[in-house]
Amino acid sequence: MLEEIRAVGVDRIVVGGDVLPGPMPSETLERLLTLEIPVQFIRGNGEAAVLAQLAGIETRTLPEQAREAIRWTAQQLGPQRRQVIASWPATFRVPVGGFGEVLFCHATPRNDTEIFTRMTPEERLWPVFEGIDFPLVVCGHTHMQFDRSVGRIRVVNAGSVGMPFGVPGADWLLLGPEVELQHTAYDLRQAADRIGATKYPQAEDFAARNVLQPPSEEQMLTVFARAELKG
């Protein structure tokens, strides 16, 4: 994916949150923080949970398997990395050619846990985007790409690089002067083997269910329909 980004000559990368938790947190952070291309991070609910764990607060709303992953990830981070992650903002705005100023957020502009999808009725989303004065909002959180409208606002989900729902691979978004939803294929078996060799909790299960054969979009749309806008 980084090779494809370099090939098209992007001038900025926006990482939309949930770099953490994960099976290779230190390696992932090091790679992203040392890129030659300017990178802007925003904080996702994953980072928020890891930071809370570091402060001695465990997120009780998550299942035990997820809490175990968060605890393990928190243990891998040194003080310097903790400070870096804590500095990431919840949202980010930047001018993009062809659109004007674009707002980036993790889940919705108002918090990092609310769920909505391409199927969520528009009228349910009006309160979420009320008062947002941007022509384009880019979000993530649900790990599924879409391109839709809420009133006069175009709302795009960039998808997930490391944990997509749908076709295996890496999903990302190229902006300016158009909206281009991208998908990059890579050596899934090699990635799964590297994950399986870590001490990440349930590493082999994570590799099998999130890298080699992730849930389908149809499955996750059904799951998310029960949790829409309850974050």
Protein backbone atom coordinates (compact mmCIF):
# COMPACT_ATOMS: atom_id res chain seq x y z
CA MET A 1 0.00 0.00 0.00
CA LEU A 2 2.80 2.42 0.85
CA GLU A 3 4.39 1.61 -2.50
CA GLU A 4 1.15 2.53 -4.26
CA ILE A 5 0.88 5.75 -2.27
CA ARG A 6 4.40 6.73 -3.27
CA ALA A 7 3.69 5.88 -6.91
CA VAL A 8 0.79 8.35 -7.14
CA GLY A 9 2.81 11.08 -5.42
CA VAL A 10 0.60 12.00 -2.45
CA ASP A 11 1.74 15.02 -0.43
CA ARG A 12 0.15 14.01 2.90
CA ILE A 13 -1.12 10.90 4.67
CA VAL A 14 -3.94 11.07 7.21
CA VAL A 15 -4.12 8.04 9.51
CA GLY A 16 -7.69 7.83 10.72
CA GLY A 17 -7.18 6.11 14.05
CA ASP A 18 -7.06 2.57 15.44
CA VAL A 19 -3.39 2.05 14.71
CA LEU A 20 -3.69 0.37 18.13
CA PRO A 21 -4.33 -2.18 19.48
CA GLY A 22 -2.67 -4.72 17.23
CA PRO A 23 -0.14 -7.54 17.00
CA MET A 24 2.85 -5.36 16.05
CA PRO A 25 2.20 -1.99 17.70
CA SER A 26 5.79 -0.79 18.08
CA GLU A 27 6.76 -1.81 14.55
CA THR A 28 3.64 -0.22 13.06
CA LEU A 29 4.16 3.05 14.89
CA GLU A 30 7.83 3.15 13.94
CA ARG A 31 7.00 2.63 10.27
CA LEU A 32 4.35 5.33 10.19
CA LEU A 33 6.30 7.85 12.25
CA THR A 34 9.40 7.60 10.08
CA LEU A 35 7.80 7.89 6.64
CA GLU A 36 9.29 10.45 4.29
CA ILE A 37 5.76 11.69 3.49
CA PRO A 38 4.15 14.05 6.07
CA VAL A 39 1.71 12.09 8.25
CA GLN A 40 -1.16 13.40 10.36
CA PHE A 41 -2.75 11.07 12.91
CA ILE A 42 -6.15 11.28 14.55
CA ARG A 43 -7.13 9.29 17.62
CA GLY A 44 -9.53 6.37 17.33
CA ASN A 45 -11.42 4.50 20.00
CA GLY A 46 -8.64 1.90 19.91
CA GLU A 47 -6.02 4.43 20.97
CA ALA A 48 -8.43 5.87 23.52
CA ALA A 49 -8.85 2.43 25.10
CA VAL A 50 -5.07 1.83 25.18
CA LEU A 51 -4.44 5.26 26.75
CA ALA A 52 -7.16 4.60 29.33
CA GLN A 53 -5.51 1.26 30.16
CA LEU A 54 -2.21 3.04 30.67
CA ALA A 55 -3.97 5.38 33.08
CA GLY A 56 -5.31 2.40 35.04
CA ILE A 57 -8.83 2.53 33.58
CA GLU A 58 -10.12 -0.58 31.82
CA THR A 59 -12.88 -0.29 29.21
CA ARG A 60 -15.58 -2.56 30.67
CA THR A 61 -17.91 -2.20 27.67
CA LEU A 62 -15.57 -4.33 25.52
CA PRO A 63 -15.49 -8.14 25.58
CA GLU A 64 -12.68 -9.81 27.53
CA GLN A 65 -10.84 -10.85 24.37
CA ALA A 66 -10.61 -7.20 23.27
CA ARG A 67 -9.58 -6.06 26.76
CA GLU A 68 -6.80 -8.64 26.79
CA ALA A 69 -5.49 -7.27 23.48
CA ILE A 70 -5.63 -3.73 24.83
CA ARG A 71 -3.73 -4.70 27.99
CA TRP A 72 -1.03 -6.45 25.96
CA THR A 73 -0.68 -3.53 23.56
CA ALA A 74 -0.38 -1.03 26.41
CA GLN A 75 2.49 -3.06 27.86
CA GLN A 76 4.46 -2.77 24.60
CA LEU A 77 4.55 1.04 24.56
CA GLY A 78 7.34 3.05 26.11
CA PRO A 79 6.81 6.52 27.65
CA GLN A 80 7.79 8.35 24.46
CA ARG A 81 5.28 6.48 22.32
CA ARG A 82 2.58 7.06 24.93
CA GLN A 83 3.15 10.81 24.75
CA VAL A 84 3.00 10.76 20.96
CA ILE A 85 -0.30 8.88 20.90
CA ALA A 86 -1.82 11.11 23.58
CA SER A 87 -1.06 14.14 21.38
CA TRP A 88 -3.20 12.93 18.48
CA PRO A 89 -6.36 15.04 18.03
CA ALA A 90 -9.88 13.63 17.73
CA THR A 91 -10.44 15.38 14.39
CA PHE A 92 -8.33 17.04 11.73
CA ARG A 93 -9.15 19.50 8.96
CA VAL A 94 -7.07 20.31 5.91
CA PRO A 95 -7.63 21.88 2.47
CA VAL A 96 -7.76 19.31 -0.34
CA GLY A 97 -7.66 20.26 -4.01
CA GLY A 98 -11.08 19.90 -5.61
CA PHE A 99 -12.98 20.05 -2.31
CA GLY A 100 -11.82 22.91 -0.13
CA GLU A 101 -11.42 22.15 3.56
CA VAL A 102 -12.07 18.49 4.47
CA LEU A 103 -12.86 17.18 7.97
CA PHE A 104 -11.33 13.89 9.09
CA CYS A 105 -12.74 12.00 12.07
CA HIS A 106 -12.60 8.42 13.32
CA ALA A 107 -16.27 7.45 13.73
CA THR A 108 -18.36 10.63 13.55
CA PRO A 109 -17.51 14.31 14.04
CA ARG A 110 -18.89 14.21 17.58
CA ASN A 111 -17.25 11.04 19.00
CA ASP A 112 -15.04 8.05 18.21
CA THR A 113 -17.48 5.18 18.82
CA GLU A 114 -20.72 5.89 16.95
CA ILE A 115 -21.54 3.41 14.21
CA PHE A 116 -23.18 4.12 10.89
CA THR A 117 -22.88 2.48 7.48
CA ARG A 118 -23.87 3.05 3.87
CA MET A 119 -27.27 1.59 4.82
CA THR A 120 -28.06 3.91 7.74
CA PRO A 121 -31.10 6.06 6.85
CA GLU A 122 -30.08 9.62 6.08
CA GLU A 123 -32.60 11.16 8.45
CA ARG A 124 -31.00 9.32 11.38
CA LEU A 125 -27.70 10.98 10.54
CA TRP A 126 -28.93 14.57 10.34
CA PRO A 127 -28.37 15.23 14.10
CA VAL A 128 -24.86 13.71 13.84
CA PHE A 129 -23.78 16.10 11.08
CA GLU A 130 -25.82 19.13 12.17
CA GLY A 131 -23.67 22.23 12.21
CA ILE A 132 -20.84 20.64 10.21
CA ASP A 133 -19.70 23.22 7.66
CA PHE A 134 -17.51 21.07 5.43
CA PRO A 135 -18.32 19.80 1.94
CA LEU A 136 -16.58 16.48 2.65
CA VAL A 137 -16.15 14.42 5.83
CA VAL A 138 -13.86 11.38 5.90
CA CYS A 139 -14.41 8.75 8.58
CA GLY A 140 -13.53 5.13 9.37
CA HIS A 141 -14.33 3.00 12.45
CA THR A 142 -16.59 0.42 10.77
CA HIS A 143 -13.81 -0.94 8.50
CA MET A 144 -16.02 -0.79 5.38
CA GLN A 145 -15.66 1.70 2.55
CA PHE A 146 -18.56 3.79 1.32
CA ASP A 147 -19.29 7.08 -0.40
CA ARG A 148 -22.64 8.66 0.45
CA SER A 149 -24.38 11.92 1.28
CA VAL A 150 -25.94 13.32 4.43
CA GLY A 151 -27.87 16.35 3.29
CA ARG A 152 -25.39 18.53 1.41
CA ILE A 153 -22.34 16.85 3.01
CA ARG A 154 -20.47 14.10 1.20
CA VAL A 155 -19.40 11.45 3.71
CA VAL A 156 -16.74 8.91 2.77
CA ASN A 157 -15.46 5.94 4.76
CA ALA A 158 -11.83 5.14 3.91
CA GLY A 159 -12.11 1.54 5.13
CA SER A 160 -9.34 -0.29 6.97
CA VAL A 161 -5.77 -1.11 5.94
CA GLY A 162 -5.11 -3.94 8.39
CA MET A 163 -8.54 -5.25 9.35
CA PRO A 164 -11.05 -4.78 6.51
CA PHE A 165 -14.52 -6.26 6.45
CA GLY A 166 -15.16 -7.68 2.99
CA VAL A 167 -12.46 -8.52 0.45
CA PRO A 168 -9.10 -9.40 2.08
CA GLY A 169 -6.37 -6.80 1.52
CA ALA A 170 -5.81 -3.17 2.43
CA ASP A 171 -8.50 -0.52 1.91
CA TRP A 172 -7.60 3.16 1.73
CA LEU A 173 -8.71 6.43 0.19
CA LEU A 174 -7.07 8.74 -2.34
CA LEU A 175 -8.32 12.34 -2.26
CA GLY A 176 -7.85 15.19 -4.70
CA PRO A 177 -9.15 16.20 -7.11
CA GLU A 178 -11.61 13.25 -6.91
CA VAL A 179 -12.66 10.69 -4.29
CA GLU A 180 -11.04 7.36 -5.17
CA LEU A 181 -11.69 4.34 -2.96
CA GLN A 182 -8.62 2.12 -3.21
CA HIS A 183 -7.89 -1.54 -2.48
CA THR A 184 -4.39 -3.00 -2.37
CA ALA A 185 -3.71 -6.73 -2.53
CA TYR A 186 -0.67 -8.07 -0.66
CA ASP A 187 0.82 -11.38 0.51
CA LEU A 188 -1.83 -12.35 3.04
CA ARG A 189 -0.14 -15.61 4.03
CA GLN A 190 3.11 -13.85 4.84
CA ALA A 191 1.27 -11.25 6.92
CA ALA A 192 -0.68 -13.97 8.76
CA ASP A 193 2.54 -15.85 9.53
CA ARG A 194 4.18 -12.71 10.92
CA ILE A 195 1.15 -12.04 13.13
CA GLY A 196 1.07 -15.66 14.28
CA ALA A 197 4.71 -15.42 15.37
CA THR A 198 3.97 -12.56 17.78
CA LYS A 199 2.82 -12.85 21.38
CA TYR A 200 -0.37 -10.93 20.66
CA PRO A 201 -3.36 -12.55 22.42
CA GLN A 202 -5.17 -14.94 20.06
CA ALA A 203 -2.65 -14.04 17.34
CA GLU A 204 -3.40 -16.98 15.05
CA ASP A 205 -7.15 -16.48 15.37
CA PHE A 206 -6.73 -12.77 14.60
CA ALA A 207 -4.68 -13.57 11.50
CA ALA A 208 -7.21 -16.13 10.28
CA ARG A 209 -10.33 -14.05 10.90
CA ASN A 210 -9.09 -10.57 10.06
CA VAL A 211 -6.34 -11.05 7.47
CA LEU A 212 -6.87 -14.31 5.60
CA GLN A 213 -10.67 -14.46 5.66
CA PRO A 214 -12.31 -11.38 7.16
CA PRO A 215 -16.07 -11.19 7.72
CA SER A 216 -18.11 -10.23 4.69
CA GLU A 217 -19.66 -6.80 4.31
CA GLU A 218 -23.11 -8.40 4.44
CA GLN A 219 -22.33 -10.06 7.78
CA MET A 220 -21.05 -6.85 9.31
CA LEU A 221 -23.90 -4.74 7.99
CA THR A 222 -26.24 -7.06 9.88
CA VAL A 223 -24.14 -6.79 13.05
CA PHE A 224 -23.79 -3.01 12.83
CA ALA A 225 -27.49 -2.47 12.15
CA ARG A 226 -28.14 -3.50 15.76
CA ALA A 227 -25.60 -1.00 17.09
CA GLU A 228 -26.17 2.04 14.86
CA LEU A 229 -25.65 5.41 16.55
CA LYS A 230 -25.48 3.93 20.04
CA GLY A 231 -21.81 4.72 20.66
